């Protein structure tokens, strides 16, 4: 097994967890007990990896990284959406 394949497995597993987080946030429609800047940071880090992996020729990691970044970005977008909606509702 190459280092690229091993890394891509970590990325895929992480992607599964981030998509599960996004799904649970979508169902709950509220954020509790989460420090959201952490996910924002890891989304930015993942975007960097999408630039970096091709430079290294790590195409499996790149493909798995797309899955991971998409899950993180979806969670961040949902978090912003539900936070803003909650603030707007409390102002009524």
N, C-alpha and C. Protein backbone atom coordinates (compact mmCIF):
# COMPACT_ATOMS: atom_id res chain seq x y z
N UNK A 1 0.84 -1.18 0.00
CA UNK A 1 0.00 0.00 0.00
C UNK A 1 0.89 1.25 0.00
N UNK A 2 0.58 2.16 -0.88
CA UNK A 2 1.38 3.38 -0.98
C UNK A 2 0.94 4.40 0.07
N UNK A 3 1.80 5.35 0.41
CA UNK A 3 1.41 6.41 1.33
C UNK A 3 0.19 7.19 0.83
N UNK A 4 0.06 7.35 -0.48
CA UNK A 4 -1.10 8.04 -1.04
C UNK A 4 -2.39 7.28 -0.73
N UNK A 5 -2.37 5.98 -0.88
CA UNK A 5 -3.56 5.18 -0.57
C UNK A 5 -3.90 5.22 0.92
N UNK A 6 -2.89 5.14 1.76
CA UNK A 6 -3.12 5.20 3.20
C UNK A 6 -3.72 6.55 3.58
N UNK A 7 -3.13 7.62 3.06
CA UNK A 7 -3.65 8.96 3.35
C UNK A 7 -5.07 9.12 2.83
N UNK A 8 -5.34 8.58 1.65
CA UNK A 8 -6.69 8.71 1.09
C UNK A 8 -7.71 7.97 1.94
N UNK A 9 -7.31 6.87 2.57
CA UNK A 9 -8.23 6.17 3.48
C UNK A 9 -8.57 7.04 4.68
N UNK A 10 -7.58 7.71 5.24
CA UNK A 10 -7.85 8.64 6.34
C UNK A 10 -8.79 9.76 5.89
N UNK A 11 -8.54 10.28 4.69
CA UNK A 11 -9.40 11.34 4.15
C UNK A 11 -10.83 10.84 3.95
N UNK A 12 -10.97 9.63 3.42
CA UNK A 12 -12.31 9.07 3.20
C UNK A 12 -13.05 8.84 4.51
N UNK A 13 -12.37 8.30 5.50
CA UNK A 13 -13.00 8.08 6.81
C UNK A 13 -13.38 9.43 7.42
N UNK A 14 -12.47 10.39 7.36
CA UNK A 14 -12.79 11.74 7.85
C UNK A 14 -13.97 12.34 7.11
N UNK A 15 -14.02 12.11 5.80
CA UNK A 15 -15.15 12.60 5.01
C UNK A 15 -16.46 11.98 5.45
N UNK A 16 -16.43 10.70 5.77
CA UNK A 16 -17.65 10.05 6.28
C UNK A 16 -18.12 10.70 7.58
N UNK A 17 -17.17 10.99 8.46
CA UNK A 17 -17.53 11.65 9.72
C UNK A 17 -18.05 13.07 9.49
N UNK A 18 -17.42 13.81 8.58
CA UNK A 18 -17.88 15.19 8.36
C UNK A 18 -19.26 15.21 7.71
N UNK A 19 -19.52 14.29 6.79
CA UNK A 19 -20.85 14.22 6.20
C UNK A 19 -21.88 13.79 7.24
N UNK A 20 -21.51 12.92 8.17
CA UNK A 20 -22.43 12.55 9.26
C UNK A 20 -22.72 13.77 10.13
N UNK A 21 -21.70 14.59 10.41
CA UNK A 21 -21.91 15.83 11.17
C UNK A 21 -22.86 16.76 10.44
N UNK A 22 -22.66 16.91 9.14
CA UNK A 22 -23.53 17.79 8.35
C UNK A 22 -24.97 17.26 8.36
N UNK A 23 -25.14 15.96 8.25
CA UNK A 23 -26.48 15.37 8.26
C UNK A 23 -27.17 15.60 9.61
N UNK A 24 -26.44 15.42 10.69
CA UNK A 24 -27.03 15.64 12.02
C UNK A 24 -27.37 17.11 12.25
N UNK A 25 -26.53 18.00 11.76
CA UNK A 25 -26.84 19.43 11.87
C UNK A 25 -28.08 19.76 11.05
N UNK A 26 -28.19 19.19 9.87
CA UNK A 26 -29.36 19.41 9.02
C UNK A 26 -30.63 18.95 9.73
N UNK A 27 -30.57 17.82 10.40
CA UNK A 27 -31.73 17.30 11.12
C UNK A 27 -32.06 18.14 12.35
N UNK A 28 -31.06 18.54 13.12
CA UNK A 28 -31.27 19.29 14.36
C UNK A 28 -31.59 20.77 14.09
N UNK A 29 -31.03 21.31 13.03
CA UNK A 29 -31.23 22.71 12.64
C UNK A 29 -30.80 23.70 13.72
N UNK A 30 -29.88 23.28 14.56
CA UNK A 30 -29.31 24.17 15.58
C UNK A 30 -27.94 23.64 16.00
N UNK A 31 -27.13 24.56 16.49
CA UNK A 31 -25.77 24.21 16.90
C UNK A 31 -25.69 24.31 18.41
N UNK A 32 -25.24 23.23 19.04
CA UNK A 32 -25.05 23.23 20.49
C UNK A 32 -23.76 22.50 20.81
N UNK A 33 -22.95 23.13 21.63
CA UNK A 33 -21.74 22.46 22.12
C UNK A 33 -20.66 22.25 21.08
N UNK A 34 -20.65 23.08 20.04
CA UNK A 34 -19.66 22.94 18.98
C UNK A 34 -18.92 24.25 18.82
N UNK A 35 -17.62 24.19 18.75
CA UNK A 35 -16.81 25.36 18.47
C UNK A 35 -16.60 25.39 16.96
N UNK A 36 -17.48 26.09 16.25
CA UNK A 36 -17.51 26.03 14.80
C UNK A 36 -16.25 26.54 14.10
N UNK A 37 -15.46 27.46 14.67
CA UNK A 37 -14.23 27.85 13.97
C UNK A 37 -13.29 26.67 13.69
N UNK A 38 -13.39 25.62 14.49
CA UNK A 38 -12.56 24.44 14.23
C UNK A 38 -12.89 23.85 12.87
N UNK A 39 -14.18 23.70 12.57
CA UNK A 39 -14.55 23.16 11.27
C UNK A 39 -14.22 24.13 10.15
N UNK A 40 -14.33 25.41 10.40
CA UNK A 40 -13.94 26.40 9.40
C UNK A 40 -12.44 26.27 9.08
N UNK A 41 -11.62 26.11 10.12
CA UNK A 41 -10.17 25.94 9.92
C UNK A 41 -9.88 24.69 9.10
N UNK A 42 -10.51 23.56 9.46
CA UNK A 42 -10.22 22.32 8.75
C UNK A 42 -10.78 22.32 7.33
N UNK A 43 -11.81 23.12 7.08
CA UNK A 43 -12.28 23.30 5.71
C UNK A 43 -11.22 24.04 4.90
N UNK A 44 -10.67 25.10 5.48
CA UNK A 44 -9.61 25.85 4.80
C UNK A 44 -8.37 24.97 4.58
N UNK A 45 -8.02 24.17 5.58
CA UNK A 45 -6.88 23.26 5.46
C UNK A 45 -7.14 22.24 4.35
N UNK A 46 -8.36 21.74 4.28
CA UNK A 46 -8.72 20.79 3.23
C UNK A 46 -8.63 21.41 1.85
N UNK A 47 -9.05 22.68 1.74
CA UNK A 47 -8.93 23.37 0.45
C UNK A 47 -7.46 23.50 0.05
N UNK A 48 -6.61 23.78 1.02
CA UNK A 48 -5.17 23.82 0.74
C UNK A 48 -4.70 22.46 0.22
N UNK A 49 -5.15 21.39 0.86
CA UNK A 49 -4.75 20.05 0.43
C UNK A 49 -5.17 19.78 -1.01
N UNK A 50 -6.31 20.32 -1.43
CA UNK A 50 -6.76 20.11 -2.81
C UNK A 50 -5.82 20.79 -3.81
N UNK A 51 -5.15 21.81 -3.37
CA UNK A 51 -4.12 22.46 -4.20
C UNK A 51 -2.80 21.68 -4.10
N UNK A 52 -2.50 21.18 -2.91
CA UNK A 52 -1.20 20.59 -2.61
C UNK A 52 -1.05 19.14 -3.12
N UNK A 53 -2.08 18.32 -2.95
CA UNK A 53 -1.97 16.91 -3.33
C UNK A 53 -1.60 16.70 -4.80
N UNK A 54 -2.22 17.43 -5.75
CA UNK A 54 -1.81 17.22 -7.15
C UNK A 54 -0.34 17.57 -7.40
N UNK A 55 0.17 18.55 -6.68
CA UNK A 55 1.58 18.90 -6.85
C UNK A 55 2.48 17.74 -6.43
N UNK A 56 1.99 16.91 -5.51
CA UNK A 56 2.75 15.75 -5.05
C UNK A 56 2.44 14.50 -5.87
N UNK A 57 1.48 14.61 -6.78
CA UNK A 57 1.06 13.45 -7.55
C UNK A 57 0.22 12.48 -6.73
N UNK A 58 -0.40 12.95 -5.68
CA UNK A 58 -1.21 12.10 -4.80
C UNK A 58 -2.69 12.23 -5.20
N UNK A 59 -3.06 11.52 -6.24
CA UNK A 59 -4.39 11.66 -6.82
C UNK A 59 -5.47 10.95 -6.02
N UNK A 60 -5.13 9.87 -5.33
CA UNK A 60 -6.12 9.22 -4.47
C UNK A 60 -6.46 10.12 -3.29
N UNK A 61 -5.43 10.73 -2.72
CA UNK A 61 -5.65 11.67 -1.61
C UNK A 61 -6.46 12.87 -2.08
N UNK A 62 -6.18 13.33 -3.28
CA UNK A 62 -6.93 14.46 -3.83
C UNK A 62 -8.42 14.12 -3.94
N UNK A 63 -8.72 12.96 -4.53
CA UNK A 63 -10.11 12.56 -4.71
C UNK A 63 -10.83 12.41 -3.37
N UNK A 64 -10.17 11.77 -2.42
CA UNK A 64 -10.77 11.61 -1.09
C UNK A 64 -10.88 12.96 -0.39
N UNK A 65 -9.92 13.84 -0.64
CA UNK A 65 -9.95 15.18 -0.05
C UNK A 65 -11.13 15.99 -0.54
N UNK A 66 -11.53 15.81 -1.79
CA UNK A 66 -12.72 16.49 -2.30
C UNK A 66 -13.94 16.09 -1.48
N UNK A 67 -14.06 14.80 -1.19
CA UNK A 67 -15.16 14.28 -0.38
C UNK A 67 -15.14 14.89 1.02
N UNK A 68 -13.97 14.96 1.63
CA UNK A 68 -13.81 15.52 2.97
C UNK A 68 -14.13 17.02 2.99
N UNK A 69 -13.56 17.77 2.07
CA UNK A 69 -13.79 19.22 2.04
C UNK A 69 -15.26 19.53 1.77
N UNK A 70 -15.88 18.77 0.90
CA UNK A 70 -17.30 18.99 0.62
C UNK A 70 -18.15 18.80 1.87
N UNK A 71 -17.83 17.79 2.67
CA UNK A 71 -18.56 17.57 3.92
C UNK A 71 -18.34 18.70 4.91
N UNK A 72 -17.09 19.13 5.06
CA UNK A 72 -16.78 20.24 5.97
C UNK A 72 -17.45 21.53 5.51
N UNK A 73 -17.37 21.82 4.22
CA UNK A 73 -17.96 23.05 3.69
C UNK A 73 -19.48 23.03 3.85
N UNK A 74 -20.09 21.89 3.64
CA UNK A 74 -21.54 21.76 3.83
C UNK A 74 -21.90 22.05 5.27
N UNK A 75 -21.14 21.50 6.21
CA UNK A 75 -21.42 21.74 7.63
C UNK A 75 -21.30 23.23 7.95
N UNK A 76 -20.24 23.88 7.47
CA UNK A 76 -20.04 25.30 7.76
C UNK A 76 -21.18 26.14 7.17
N UNK A 77 -21.58 25.84 5.95
CA UNK A 77 -22.68 26.58 5.32
C UNK A 77 -23.97 26.39 6.10
N UNK A 78 -24.26 25.16 6.50
CA UNK A 78 -25.46 24.91 7.32
C UNK A 78 -25.38 25.63 8.66
N UNK A 79 -24.20 25.63 9.27
CA UNK A 79 -24.03 26.30 10.57
C UNK A 79 -24.31 27.79 10.44
N UNK A 80 -23.78 28.40 9.40
CA UNK A 80 -24.03 29.83 9.18
C UNK A 80 -25.51 30.07 8.93
N UNK A 81 -26.11 29.25 8.10
CA UNK A 81 -27.53 29.40 7.77
C UNK A 81 -28.42 29.29 9.02
N UNK A 82 -28.22 28.25 9.81
CA UNK A 82 -29.07 28.05 10.98
C UNK A 82 -28.79 29.08 12.07
N UNK A 83 -27.56 29.54 12.19
CA UNK A 83 -27.25 30.58 13.17
C UNK A 83 -27.93 31.89 12.79
N UNK A 84 -27.88 32.25 11.53
CA UNK A 84 -28.53 33.49 11.07
C UNK A 84 -30.05 33.40 11.19
N UNK A 85 -30.61 32.26 10.82
CA UNK A 85 -32.07 32.09 10.93
C UNK A 85 -32.52 32.20 12.38
N UNK A 86 -31.76 31.62 13.27
CA UNK A 86 -32.12 31.67 14.70
C UNK A 86 -32.06 33.10 15.21
N UNK A 87 -31.05 33.85 14.79
CA UNK A 87 -30.94 35.25 15.21
C UNK A 87 -32.09 36.08 14.65
N UNK A 88 -32.47 35.83 13.41
CA UNK A 88 -33.58 36.57 12.80
C UNK A 88 -34.90 36.25 13.50
N UNK A 89 -35.10 35.00 13.86
CA UNK A 89 -36.33 34.62 14.55
C UNK A 89 -36.41 35.24 15.94
N UNK A 90 -35.27 35.36 16.62
CA UNK A 90 -35.28 35.93 17.97
C UNK A 90 -35.53 37.43 17.94
N UNK A 91 -35.30 38.07 16.79
CA UNK A 91 -35.54 39.51 16.68
C UNK A 91 -37.00 39.83 16.43
N UNK A 92 -37.80 38.85 16.06
CA UNK A 92 -39.23 39.09 15.77
C UNK A 92 -40.05 39.30 17.01
